[in-house]
Amino acid sequence: MTHRSLPAVGVLLVAAAVVAGCGRGDDAPPSSAAAGVTSSAVQATDLPSVPSTSAGPSRTDGATPQPPRSATPTTVPSAPPQGPVERRPASPPPVVLPQRPAGAPSARQVIDAFQAAGLRVTHPKDRSVDCGPDGLGLGCSEIVTTDGVTVFVFPDETSAGDVAETWGGQSYRRGAVVLNYLDAKTPAADRVRYEKVLNGLR
């Protein structure tokens, strides 16, 4: 029996109850059964129709719908292990200069002798680092510059002689020590005095 036939059934039950009541007489109260049936019929007619619910949309291909799959989390690849980090020195190693020959005066000793003789040797600076390949690359042992003259000391007399020849008349050599006048621009009259002091050193 469908929900649409409930009102018709209720009407029939009400009619039957009325007929039964008329048979007993006007003073006779309707039976409790008829009242219960009538009440049930009325209540049935007042009930709204409930639409049937379905589990989900039907498929025409006959396949059973599957629940949605949960998203698979993306796996982040781990960083490859790193090897030992090579540490580089903060500064290049110091340049190792050749030693001056035994018995040769140092460049500082020559400058002190010039100063003692009253010669111009103001603003002395030790530039021995320029002897290496990053400087002049002359292969010398020591360099001290002044405003009057520059003093070079080489590890041997041969090296000193070769360099002195390249400077021509702007230099003077005694043993492994070479005096250079190129940057100082010492007057020619004063050069003799520098050379005399150098020759007097032992």
N, C-alpha and C. Protein backbone atom coordinates (compact mmCIF):
# COMPACT_ATOMS: atom_id res chain seq x y z
N MET A 1 0.85 -1.18 0.00
CA MET A 1 0.00 0.00 0.00
C MET A 1 0.89 1.23 0.00
N THR A 2 0.62 2.17 -0.87
CA THR A 2 1.43 3.36 -1.01
C THR A 2 0.90 4.46 -0.15
N HIS A 3 1.70 5.50 0.00
CA HIS A 3 1.28 6.63 0.83
C HIS A 3 0.08 7.35 0.23
N ARG A 4 -0.07 7.31 -1.10
CA ARG A 4 -1.19 8.01 -1.74
C ARG A 4 -2.54 7.37 -1.42
N SER A 5 -2.60 6.04 -1.07
CA SER A 5 -3.87 5.35 -0.77
C SER A 5 -4.30 5.52 0.67
N LEU A 6 -3.42 6.11 1.53
CA LEU A 6 -3.78 6.27 2.95
C LEU A 6 -5.00 7.15 3.14
N PRO A 7 -5.16 8.28 2.47
CA PRO A 7 -6.38 9.09 2.68
C PRO A 7 -7.65 8.35 2.31
N ALA A 8 -7.63 7.58 1.25
CA ALA A 8 -8.85 6.84 0.87
C ALA A 8 -9.22 5.81 1.91
N VAL A 9 -8.22 5.13 2.45
CA VAL A 9 -8.51 4.14 3.51
C VAL A 9 -9.08 4.82 4.73
N GLY A 10 -8.49 6.01 5.04
CA GLY A 10 -9.00 6.73 6.21
C GLY A 10 -10.45 7.13 6.03
N VAL A 11 -10.82 7.52 4.81
CA VAL A 11 -12.23 7.90 4.56
C VAL A 11 -13.15 6.73 4.74
N LEU A 12 -12.75 5.58 4.24
CA LEU A 12 -13.58 4.37 4.39
C LEU A 12 -13.75 4.01 5.84
N LEU A 13 -12.67 4.12 6.63
CA LEU A 13 -12.79 3.77 8.05
C LEU A 13 -13.71 4.73 8.78
N VAL A 14 -13.62 5.99 8.41
CA VAL A 14 -14.51 6.96 9.06
C VAL A 14 -15.97 6.69 8.71
N ALA A 15 -16.19 6.35 7.45
CA ALA A 15 -17.57 6.04 7.03
C ALA A 15 -18.09 4.83 7.76
N ALA A 16 -17.23 3.81 7.93
CA ALA A 16 -17.68 2.60 8.63
C ALA A 16 -18.00 2.90 10.07
N ALA A 17 -17.20 3.77 10.67
CA ALA A 17 -17.47 4.11 12.06
C ALA A 17 -18.78 4.87 12.20
N VAL A 18 -19.05 5.71 11.23
CA VAL A 18 -20.31 6.47 11.28
C VAL A 18 -21.50 5.55 11.15
N VAL A 19 -21.43 4.61 10.21
CA VAL A 19 -22.53 3.65 10.03
C VAL A 19 -22.75 2.82 11.27
N ALA A 20 -21.67 2.42 11.90
CA ALA A 20 -21.81 1.61 13.12
C ALA A 20 -22.44 2.40 14.22
N GLY A 21 -22.11 3.67 14.25
CA GLY A 21 -22.70 4.50 15.30
C GLY A 21 -24.17 4.74 15.09
N CYS A 22 -24.55 4.83 13.85
CA CYS A 22 -25.98 5.03 13.56
C CYS A 22 -26.79 3.79 13.92
N GLY A 23 -26.25 2.62 13.81
CA GLY A 23 -26.98 1.40 14.12
C GLY A 23 -27.26 1.30 15.59
N ARG A 24 -26.43 1.85 16.42
CA ARG A 24 -26.65 1.75 17.86
C ARG A 24 -27.62 2.80 18.36
N GLY A 25 -27.82 3.81 17.62
CA GLY A 25 -28.72 4.86 18.08
C GLY A 25 -27.94 6.14 18.22
N ASP A 26 -28.72 7.25 18.29
CA ASP A 26 -28.08 8.55 18.36
C ASP A 26 -27.44 8.79 19.70
N ASP A 27 -28.00 8.13 20.78
CA ASP A 27 -27.44 8.38 22.12
C ASP A 27 -26.24 7.51 22.43
N ALA A 28 -26.02 6.55 21.63
CA ALA A 28 -24.92 5.63 21.94
C ALA A 28 -23.61 6.25 21.52
N PRO A 29 -22.65 6.33 22.39
CA PRO A 29 -21.32 6.88 22.04
C PRO A 29 -20.57 5.93 21.13
N PRO A 30 -19.78 6.43 20.29
CA PRO A 30 -18.98 5.54 19.42
C PRO A 30 -18.03 4.72 20.23
N SER A 31 -17.81 3.56 19.77
CA SER A 31 -16.92 2.65 20.49
C SER A 31 -15.51 3.18 20.47
N SER A 32 -14.81 2.74 21.49
CA SER A 32 -13.42 3.17 21.59
C SER A 32 -12.58 2.66 20.45
N ALA A 33 -12.95 1.51 19.93
CA ALA A 33 -12.19 0.94 18.81
C ALA A 33 -12.33 1.80 17.59
N ALA A 34 -13.60 2.25 17.35
CA ALA A 34 -13.82 3.10 16.17
C ALA A 34 -13.11 4.40 16.32
N ALA A 35 -13.15 4.94 17.57
CA ALA A 35 -12.43 6.20 17.80
C ALA A 35 -10.94 6.04 17.58
N GLY A 36 -10.40 4.91 18.04
CA GLY A 36 -8.96 4.67 17.85
C GLY A 36 -8.61 4.56 16.40
N VAL A 37 -9.49 3.86 15.64
CA VAL A 37 -9.23 3.69 14.22
C VAL A 37 -9.28 5.02 13.52
N THR A 38 -10.34 5.85 13.94
CA THR A 38 -10.47 7.15 13.30
C THR A 38 -9.26 8.03 13.59
N SER A 39 -8.85 7.99 14.87
CA SER A 39 -7.68 8.78 15.24
C SER A 39 -6.44 8.36 14.49
N SER A 40 -6.31 7.04 14.32
CA SER A 40 -5.16 6.53 13.59
C SER A 40 -5.22 6.92 12.15
N ALA A 41 -6.45 6.92 11.60
CA ALA A 41 -6.59 7.28 10.19
C ALA A 41 -6.28 8.73 9.98
N VAL A 42 -6.76 9.57 10.93
CA VAL A 42 -6.50 11.00 10.80
C VAL A 42 -5.02 11.28 10.90
N GLN A 43 -4.41 10.61 11.91
CA GLN A 43 -2.98 10.80 12.05
C GLN A 43 -2.21 10.34 10.82
N ALA A 44 -2.69 9.25 10.22
CA ALA A 44 -2.01 8.74 9.03
C ALA A 44 -2.12 9.70 7.88
N THR A 45 -3.33 10.39 7.82
CA THR A 45 -3.50 11.34 6.72
C THR A 45 -2.67 12.58 6.91
N ASP A 46 -2.34 12.90 8.19
CA ASP A 46 -1.55 14.10 8.46
C ASP A 46 -0.06 13.89 8.25
N LEU A 47 0.36 12.65 8.12
CA LEU A 47 1.79 12.38 7.98
C LEU A 47 2.26 12.82 6.60
N PRO A 48 3.33 13.59 6.55
CA PRO A 48 3.87 13.97 5.23
C PRO A 48 4.58 12.78 4.60
N SER A 49 4.54 12.79 3.32
CA SER A 49 5.22 11.71 2.62
C SER A 49 6.72 11.89 2.74
N VAL A 50 7.40 10.81 3.08
CA VAL A 50 8.85 10.83 3.27
C VAL A 50 9.51 10.29 2.02
N PRO A 51 10.29 11.10 1.36
CA PRO A 51 10.95 10.57 0.16
C PRO A 51 11.98 9.52 0.52
N SER A 52 12.08 8.57 -0.31
CA SER A 52 13.06 7.51 -0.07
C SER A 52 14.45 8.03 -0.34
N THR A 53 15.35 7.66 0.57
CA THR A 53 16.75 8.09 0.43
C THR A 53 17.54 6.97 -0.19
N SER A 54 18.50 7.36 -0.99
CA SER A 54 19.37 6.38 -1.64
C SER A 54 20.78 6.54 -1.11
N ALA A 55 21.55 5.53 -1.15
CA ALA A 55 22.92 5.55 -0.64
C ALA A 55 23.82 6.44 -1.46
N GLY A 56 23.47 6.73 -2.68
CA GLY A 56 24.34 7.55 -3.52
C GLY A 56 23.83 7.51 -4.94
N PRO A 57 24.44 8.23 -5.80
CA PRO A 57 24.02 8.23 -7.21
C PRO A 57 24.24 6.86 -7.84
N SER A 58 23.20 6.46 -8.59
CA SER A 58 23.28 5.15 -9.23
C SER A 58 24.17 5.22 -10.44
N ARG A 59 24.81 4.12 -10.78
CA ARG A 59 25.69 4.01 -11.93
C ARG A 59 25.01 3.14 -12.97
N THR A 60 25.13 3.54 -14.17
CA THR A 60 24.51 2.80 -15.27
C THR A 60 25.39 1.67 -15.77
N ASP A 61 26.69 1.68 -15.39
CA ASP A 61 27.58 0.63 -15.89
C ASP A 61 27.59 -0.60 -15.03
N GLY A 62 26.80 -0.58 -13.92
CA GLY A 62 26.70 -1.76 -13.07
C GLY A 62 27.83 -1.90 -12.08
N ALA A 63 28.80 -0.98 -12.09
CA ALA A 63 29.93 -1.09 -11.17
C ALA A 63 29.57 -0.49 -9.83
N THR A 64 30.09 -1.06 -8.79
CA THR A 64 29.82 -0.55 -7.44
C THR A 64 30.68 0.67 -7.19
N PRO A 65 30.06 1.79 -6.80
CA PRO A 65 30.87 3.00 -6.55
C PRO A 65 31.85 2.78 -5.41
N GLN A 66 33.02 3.24 -5.60
CA GLN A 66 34.08 3.09 -4.61
C GLN A 66 34.24 4.38 -3.82
N PRO A 67 34.52 4.27 -2.55
CA PRO A 67 34.75 5.50 -1.76
C PRO A 67 36.00 6.20 -2.25
N PRO A 68 36.03 7.52 -2.13
CA PRO A 68 37.23 8.26 -2.60
C PRO A 68 38.46 7.85 -1.82
N ARG A 69 39.53 7.74 -2.54
CA ARG A 69 40.80 7.38 -1.91
C ARG A 69 41.45 8.60 -1.30
N SER A 70 42.06 8.37 -0.18
CA SER A 70 42.75 9.48 0.49
C SER A 70 44.02 9.82 -0.28
N ALA A 71 44.34 11.13 -0.31
CA ALA A 71 45.54 11.57 -1.03
C ALA A 71 46.80 11.04 -0.36
N THR A 72 47.65 10.49 -1.16
CA THR A 72 48.91 9.96 -0.63
C THR A 72 49.89 11.10 -0.40
N PRO A 73 50.43 11.27 0.81
CA PRO A 73 51.37 12.39 1.06
C PRO A 73 52.63 12.25 0.22
N THR A 74 53.06 13.38 -0.28
CA THR A 74 54.27 13.40 -1.10
C THR A 74 55.51 13.21 -0.21
N THR A 75 56.34 12.28 -0.59
CA THR A 75 57.55 12.01 0.19
C THR A 75 58.66 12.94 -0.28
N VAL A 76 59.20 13.75 0.64
CA VAL A 76 60.29 14.67 0.32
C VAL A 76 61.60 13.91 0.39
N PRO A 77 62.36 13.87 -0.70
CA PRO A 77 63.64 13.12 -0.65
C PRO A 77 64.61 13.79 0.31
N SER A 78 65.29 12.98 1.06
CA SER A 78 66.26 13.50 2.00
C SER A 78 67.52 13.96 1.28
N ALA A 79 68.17 14.98 1.83
CA ALA A 79 69.38 15.52 1.22
C ALA A 79 70.51 14.49 1.30
N PRO A 80 71.28 14.35 0.25
CA PRO A 80 72.38 13.37 0.29
C PRO A 80 73.43 13.79 1.31
N PRO A 81 74.04 12.85 1.95
CA PRO A 81 75.08 13.21 2.94
C PRO A 81 76.24 13.92 2.29
N GLN A 82 76.71 14.95 2.94
CA GLN A 82 77.83 15.73 2.42
C GLN A 82 79.14 15.22 2.99
N GLY A 83 80.16 15.29 2.14
CA GLY A 83 81.48 14.85 2.56
C GLY A 83 82.18 15.92 3.38
N PRO A 84 83.36 15.68 3.79
CA PRO A 84 84.10 16.67 4.58
C PRO A 84 84.37 17.93 3.76
N VAL A 85 84.21 19.07 4.39
CA VAL A 85 84.41 20.35 3.73
C VAL A 85 85.90 20.69 3.74
N GLU A 86 86.41 21.00 2.55
CA GLU A 86 87.82 21.35 2.46
C GLU A 86 88.02 22.78 2.93
N ARG A 87 88.86 22.96 3.89
CA ARG A 87 89.14 24.28 4.43
C ARG A 87 90.39 24.85 3.75
N ARG A 88 90.22 26.01 3.15
CA ARG A 88 91.34 26.67 2.51
C ARG A 88 91.95 27.70 3.44
N PRO A 89 93.23 27.91 3.32
CA PRO A 89 93.86 28.90 4.21
C PRO A 89 93.31 30.29 3.93
N ALA A 90 93.17 31.07 4.99
CA ALA A 90 92.61 32.42 4.86
C ALA A 90 93.53 33.31 4.05
N SER A 91 94.81 33.10 4.09
CA SER A 91 95.76 33.92 3.36
C SER A 91 96.84 33.01 2.77
N PRO A 92 97.46 33.43 1.66
CA PRO A 92 98.51 32.59 1.06
C PRO A 92 99.69 32.45 2.00
N PRO A 93 100.40 31.36 1.89
CA PRO A 93 101.57 31.17 2.77
C PRO A 93 102.63 32.22 2.48
N PRO A 94 103.40 32.58 3.47
CA PRO A 94 104.42 33.61 3.26
C PRO A 94 105.49 33.13 2.28
N VAL A 95 106.02 34.09 1.54
CA VAL A 95 107.06 33.78 0.55
C VAL A 95 108.38 33.57 1.28
N VAL A 96 109.03 32.46 0.99
CA VAL A 96 110.33 32.15 1.58
C VAL A 96 111.41 32.70 0.66
N LEU A 97 112.16 33.66 1.14
CA LEU A 97 113.20 34.31 0.35
C LEU A 97 114.55 33.63 0.59
N PRO A 98 115.41 33.65 -0.40
CA PRO A 98 116.75 33.07 -0.22
C PRO A 98 117.58 33.88 0.77
N GLN A 99 118.42 33.20 1.48
CA GLN A 99 119.28 33.85 2.46
C GLN A 99 120.44 34.57 1.78
N ARG A 100 120.84 35.68 2.35
CA ARG A 100 122.02 36.39 1.83
C ARG A 100 123.27 35.58 2.17
N PRO A 101 124.29 35.72 1.41
CA PRO A 101 125.51 34.93 1.67
C PRO A 101 126.19 35.33 2.96
N ALA A 102 126.91 34.41 3.54
CA ALA A 102 127.62 34.70 4.80
C ALA A 102 128.68 35.76 4.57
N GLY A 103 128.75 36.68 5.46
CA GLY A 103 129.74 37.76 5.37
C GLY A 103 129.21 39.00 4.67
N ALA A 104 128.09 38.90 3.96
CA ALA A 104 127.51 40.07 3.29
C ALA A 104 126.69 40.88 4.29
N PRO A 105 126.78 42.21 4.27
CA PRO A 105 125.99 43.02 5.19
C PRO A 105 124.52 42.97 4.81
N SER A 106 123.67 43.15 5.79
CA SER A 106 122.23 43.21 5.51
C SER A 106 121.90 44.58 4.94
N ALA A 107 120.74 44.69 4.34
CA ALA A 107 120.31 45.97 3.78
C ALA A 107 120.14 47.01 4.88
N ARG A 108 119.70 46.56 6.04
CA ARG A 108 119.53 47.50 7.14
C ARG A 108 120.88 48.00 7.64
N GLN A 109 121.87 47.16 7.66
CA GLN A 109 123.22 47.58 8.08
C GLN A 109 123.79 48.63 7.12
N VAL A 110 123.50 48.47 5.83
CA VAL A 110 123.97 49.45 4.85
C VAL A 110 123.29 50.79 5.06
N ILE A 111 122.00 50.77 5.32
CA ILE A 111 121.26 52.02 5.56
C ILE A 111 121.77 52.71 6.83
N ASP A 112 122.03 51.92 7.88
CA ASP A 112 122.54 52.52 9.12
C ASP A 112 123.91 53.17 8.89
N ALA A 113 124.74 52.55 8.04
CA ALA A 113 126.06 53.12 7.74
C ALA A 113 125.91 54.42 6.96
N PHE A 114 124.96 54.50 6.02
CA PHE A 114 124.71 55.73 5.29
C PHE A 114 124.23 56.84 6.22
N GLN A 115 123.36 56.48 7.13
CA GLN A 115 122.83 57.47 8.06
C GLN A 115 123.94 57.99 8.99
N ALA A 116 124.79 57.09 9.42
CA ALA A 116 125.91 57.50 10.29
C ALA A 116 126.86 58.45 9.56
N ALA A 117 126.96 58.30 8.23
CA ALA A 117 127.83 59.17 7.43
C ALA A 117 127.14 60.48 7.06
N GLY A 118 125.90 60.67 7.47
CA GLY A 118 125.17 61.90 7.18
C GLY A 118 124.55 61.93 5.79
N LEU A 119 124.39 60.78 5.17
CA LEU A 119 123.79 60.72 3.85
C LEU A 119 122.26 60.67 3.95
N ARG A 120 121.62 61.01 2.87
CA ARG A 120 120.15 61.07 2.86
C ARG A 120 119.56 59.67 2.75
N VAL A 121 118.93 59.22 3.83
CA VAL A 121 118.26 57.92 3.87
C VAL A 121 116.94 58.04 4.64
N THR A 122 116.21 59.12 4.38
CA THR A 122 114.94 59.34 5.08
C THR A 122 113.87 58.39 4.57
N HIS A 123 112.88 58.14 5.45
CA HIS A 123 111.73 57.26 5.15
C HIS A 123 112.15 55.87 4.69
N PRO A 124 112.97 55.18 5.47
CA PRO A 124 113.35 53.81 5.08
C PRO A 124 112.16 52.85 5.20
N LYS A 125 112.02 51.96 4.22
CA LYS A 125 110.95 50.96 4.21
C LYS A 125 111.52 49.62 3.77
N ASP A 126 111.20 48.61 4.54
CA ASP A 126 111.61 47.25 4.19
C ASP A 126 110.63 46.70 3.14
N ARG A 127 111.09 46.50 1.93
CA ARG A 127 110.27 45.98 0.84
C ARG A 127 110.78 44.62 0.37
N SER A 128 111.31 43.84 1.30
CA SER A 128 111.88 42.53 0.94
C SER A 128 110.84 41.60 0.33
N VAL A 129 109.55 41.81 0.63
CA VAL A 129 108.51 40.96 0.07
C VAL A 129 108.46 41.07 -1.45
N ASP A 130 108.93 42.21 -1.99
CA ASP A 130 108.94 42.38 -3.44
C ASP A 130 110.00 41.53 -4.14
N CYS A 131 110.87 40.90 -3.39
CA CYS A 131 111.86 40.02 -4.02
C CYS A 131 111.22 38.77 -4.60
N GLY A 132 110.06 38.37 -4.04
CA GLY A 132 109.40 37.14 -4.47
C GLY A 132 108.68 37.28 -5.80
N PRO A 133 108.04 36.19 -6.26
CA PRO A 133 107.36 36.19 -7.57
C PRO A 133 106.16 37.12 -7.62
N ASP A 134 105.55 37.44 -6.48
CA ASP A 134 104.41 38.35 -6.48
C ASP A 134 104.85 39.81 -6.52
N GLY A 135 106.16 40.08 -6.42
CA GLY A 135 106.67 41.44 -6.47
C GLY A 135 107.48 41.66 -7.74
N LEU A 136 108.72 42.06 -7.53
CA LEU A 136 109.60 42.29 -8.67
C LEU A 136 110.11 41.00 -9.28
N GLY A 137 110.11 39.94 -8.48
CA GLY A 137 110.57 38.65 -8.98
C GLY A 137 112.05 38.61 -9.30
N LEU A 138 112.86 39.38 -8.57
CA LEU A 138 114.30 39.45 -8.84
C LEU A 138 115.08 38.34 -8.16
N GLY A 139 114.44 37.64 -7.23
CA GLY A 139 115.15 36.57 -6.53
C GLY A 139 116.14 37.09 -5.51
N CYS A 140 115.94 38.32 -5.03
CA CYS A 140 116.85 38.90 -4.04
C CYS A 140 116.48 38.41 -2.65
N SER A 141 117.33 38.76 -1.70
CA SER A 141 117.10 38.37 -0.30
C SER A 141 116.47 39.49 0.51
N GLU A 142 116.89 40.75 0.24
CA GLU A 142 116.41 41.89 1.01
C GLU A 142 116.33 43.14 0.13
N ILE A 143 115.36 44.00 0.47
CA ILE A 143 115.25 45.32 -0.17
C ILE A 143 114.86 46.32 0.90
N VAL A 144 115.58 47.44 0.95
CA VAL A 144 115.20 48.57 1.81
C VAL A 144 115.27 49.83 0.95
N THR A 145 114.14 50.53 0.86
CA THR A 145 114.08 51.76 0.07
C THR A 145 114.18 52.97 0.99
N THR A 146 114.78 54.06 0.47
CA THR A 146 114.84 55.34 1.16
C THR A 146 114.64 56.45 0.13
N ASP A 147 114.60 57.67 0.62
CA ASP A 147 114.45 58.80 -0.30
C ASP A 147 115.74 59.06 -1.10
N GLY A 148 116.88 58.55 -0.62
CA GLY A 148 118.16 58.81 -1.30
C GLY A 148 118.65 57.68 -2.16
N VAL A 149 118.37 56.42 -1.76
CA VAL A 149 118.90 55.27 -2.47
C VAL A 149 118.12 54.03 -2.05
N THR A 150 118.14 53.01 -2.93
CA THR A 150 117.53 51.71 -2.61
C THR A 150 118.63 50.67 -2.54
N VAL A 151 118.60 49.87 -1.47
CA VAL A 151 119.64 48.87 -1.23
C VAL A 151 119.06 47.48 -1.48
N PHE A 152 119.71 46.71 -2.37
CA PHE A 152 119.34 45.33 -2.66
C PHE A 152 120.46 44.41 -2.18
N VAL A 153 120.07 43.29 -1.57
CA VAL A 153 121.04 42.26 -1.19
C VAL A 153 120.59 40.95 -1.84
N PHE A 154 121.51 40.30 -2.58
CA PHE A 154 121.19 39.08 -3.31
C PHE A 154 121.85 37.87 -2.65
N PRO A 155 121.35 36.65 -2.95
CA PRO A 155 121.92 35.46 -2.31
C PRO A 155 123.32 35.10 -2.81
N ASP A 156 123.75 35.69 -3.93
CA ASP A 156 125.10 35.43 -4.44
C ASP A 156 125.52 36.60 -5.33
N GLU A 157 126.82 36.67 -5.59
CA GLU A 157 127.35 37.78 -6.36
C GLU A 157 126.95 37.71 -7.84
N THR A 158 126.78 36.49 -8.34
CA THR A 158 126.39 36.35 -9.74
C THR A 158 125.03 36.98 -10.01
N SER A 159 124.05 36.66 -9.15
CA SER A 159 122.72 37.25 -9.31
C SER A 159 122.76 38.76 -9.17
N ALA A 160 123.57 39.26 -8.22
CA ALA A 160 123.69 40.69 -8.03
C ALA A 160 124.29 41.36 -9.26
N GLY A 161 125.30 40.73 -9.87
CA GLY A 161 125.93 41.31 -11.06
C GLY A 161 124.98 41.35 -12.25
N ASP A 162 124.18 40.28 -12.44
CA ASP A 162 123.24 40.24 -13.57
C ASP A 162 122.19 41.35 -13.47
N VAL A 163 121.67 41.56 -12.26
CA VAL A 163 120.64 42.59 -12.09
C VAL A 163 121.26 43.98 -12.23
N ALA A 164 122.45 44.18 -11.70
CA ALA A 164 123.09 45.50 -11.78
C ALA A 164 123.34 45.89 -13.23
N GLU A 165 123.66 44.93 -14.10
CA GLU A 165 123.88 45.24 -15.51
C GLU A 165 122.60 45.71 -16.20
N THR A 166 121.45 45.16 -15.80
CA THR A 166 120.19 45.58 -16.43
C THR A 166 119.85 47.03 -16.08
N TRP A 167 120.33 47.52 -14.95
CA TRP A 167 120.05 48.91 -14.56
C TRP A 167 121.07 49.90 -15.12
N GLY A 168 122.10 49.40 -15.76
CA GLY A 168 123.08 50.27 -16.41
C GLY A 168 123.78 51.19 -15.44
N GLY A 169 123.86 52.49 -15.80
CA GLY A 169 124.56 53.46 -14.97
C GLY A 169 123.77 53.96 -13.79
N GLN A 170 122.61 53.36 -13.53
CA GLN A 170 121.80 53.79 -12.39
C GLN A 170 121.98 52.88 -11.18
N SER A 171 123.09 52.17 -11.11
CA SER A 171 123.31 51.25 -10.00
C SER A 171 124.81 51.12 -9.72
N TYR A 172 125.09 50.52 -8.56
CA TYR A 172 126.48 50.24 -8.17
C TYR A 172 126.45 48.95 -7.37
N ARG A 173 127.42 48.03 -7.68
CA ARG A 173 127.46 46.74 -6.98
C ARG A 173 128.79 46.57 -6.27
N ARG A 174 128.70 46.01 -5.09
CA ARG A 174 129.88 45.53 -4.35
C ARG A 174 129.50 44.21 -3.71
N GLY A 175 130.09 43.11 -4.21
CA GLY A 175 129.75 41.79 -3.71
C GLY A 175 128.30 41.47 -4.04
N ALA A 176 127.50 41.10 -3.03
CA ALA A 176 126.10 40.74 -3.23
C ALA A 176 125.16 41.91 -3.01
N VAL A 177 125.74 43.11 -2.72
CA VAL A 177 124.91 44.30 -2.44
C VAL A 177 124.90 45.19 -3.68
N VAL A 178 123.70 45.66 -4.05
CA VAL A 178 123.53 46.55 -5.20
C VAL A 178 122.79 47.80 -4.73
N LEU A 179 123.37 48.97 -5.08
CA LEU A 179 122.70 50.25 -4.81
C LEU A 179 121.98 50.69 -6.08
N ASN A 180 120.73 51.07 -5.92
CA ASN A 180 119.92 51.49 -7.07
C ASN A 180 119.49 52.95 -6.87
N TYR A 181 119.67 53.76 -7.93
CA TYR A 181 119.33 55.18 -7.86
C TYR A 181 118.14 55.55 -8.75
N LEU A 182 117.49 54.58 -9.34
CA LEU A 182 116.43 54.88 -10.29
C LEU A 182 115.29 55.66 -9.66
N ASP A 183 114.74 55.16 -8.55
CA ASP A 183 113.60 55.82 -7.92
C ASP A 183 114.03 57.00 -7.05
N ALA A 184 115.23 56.92 -6.47
CA ALA A 184 115.67 57.96 -5.55
C ALA A 184 116.13 59.22 -6.29
N LYS A 185 116.65 59.06 -7.49
CA LYS A 185 117.16 60.19 -8.27
C LYS A 185 118.22 60.98 -7.49
N THR A 186 119.16 60.20 -6.97
CA THR A 186 120.24 60.81 -6.19
C THR A 186 121.19 61.56 -7.13
N PRO A 187 121.57 62.77 -6.79
CA PRO A 187 122.53 63.49 -7.64
C PRO A 187 123.82 62.71 -7.81
N ALA A 188 124.46 62.86 -8.94
CA ALA A 188 125.69 62.11 -9.23
C ALA A 188 126.79 62.40 -8.24
N ALA A 189 126.85 63.60 -7.75
CA ALA A 189 127.90 63.95 -6.78
C ALA A 189 127.73 63.19 -5.48
N ASP A 190 126.49 62.91 -5.11
CA ASP A 190 126.24 62.19 -3.85
C ASP A 190 126.41 60.69 -4.01
N ARG A 191 126.32 60.19 -5.20
CA ARG A 191 126.44 58.74 -5.40
C ARG A 191 127.83 58.24 -4.99
N VAL A 192 128.80 59.02 -5.26
CA VAL A 192 130.17 58.62 -4.90
C VAL A 192 130.27 58.44 -3.40
N ARG A 193 129.62 59.25 -2.65
CA ARG A 193 129.67 59.15 -1.19
C ARG A 193 128.99 57.88 -0.70
N TYR A 194 127.85 57.53 -1.30
CA TYR A 194 127.15 56.28 -0.92
C TYR A 194 128.06 55.07 -1.23
N GLU A 195 128.67 55.08 -2.39
CA GLU A 195 129.49 53.94 -2.80
C GLU A 195 130.75 53.82 -1.92
N LYS A 196 131.31 54.96 -1.52
CA LYS A 196 132.49 54.91 -0.63
C LYS A 196 132.15 54.31 0.70
N VAL A 197 130.98 54.65 1.25
CA VAL A 197 130.56 54.07 2.54
C VAL A 197 130.34 52.59 2.39
N LEU A 198 129.71 52.17 1.28
CA LEU A 198 129.46 50.75 1.07
C LEU A 198 130.77 49.98 0.95
N ASN A 199 131.75 50.55 0.26
CA ASN A 199 133.03 49.85 0.11
C ASN A 199 133.77 49.73 1.45
N GLY A 200 133.48 50.60 2.38
CA GLY A 200 134.15 50.53 3.67
C GLY A 200 133.53 49.53 4.62
N LEU A 201 132.39 48.96 4.29
CA LEU A 201 131.76 47.94 5.15
C LEU A 201 132.47 46.61 4.99
N ARG A 202 132.59 45.92 6.07
CA ARG A 202 133.21 44.60 6.05
C ARG A 202 132.16 43.54 6.33
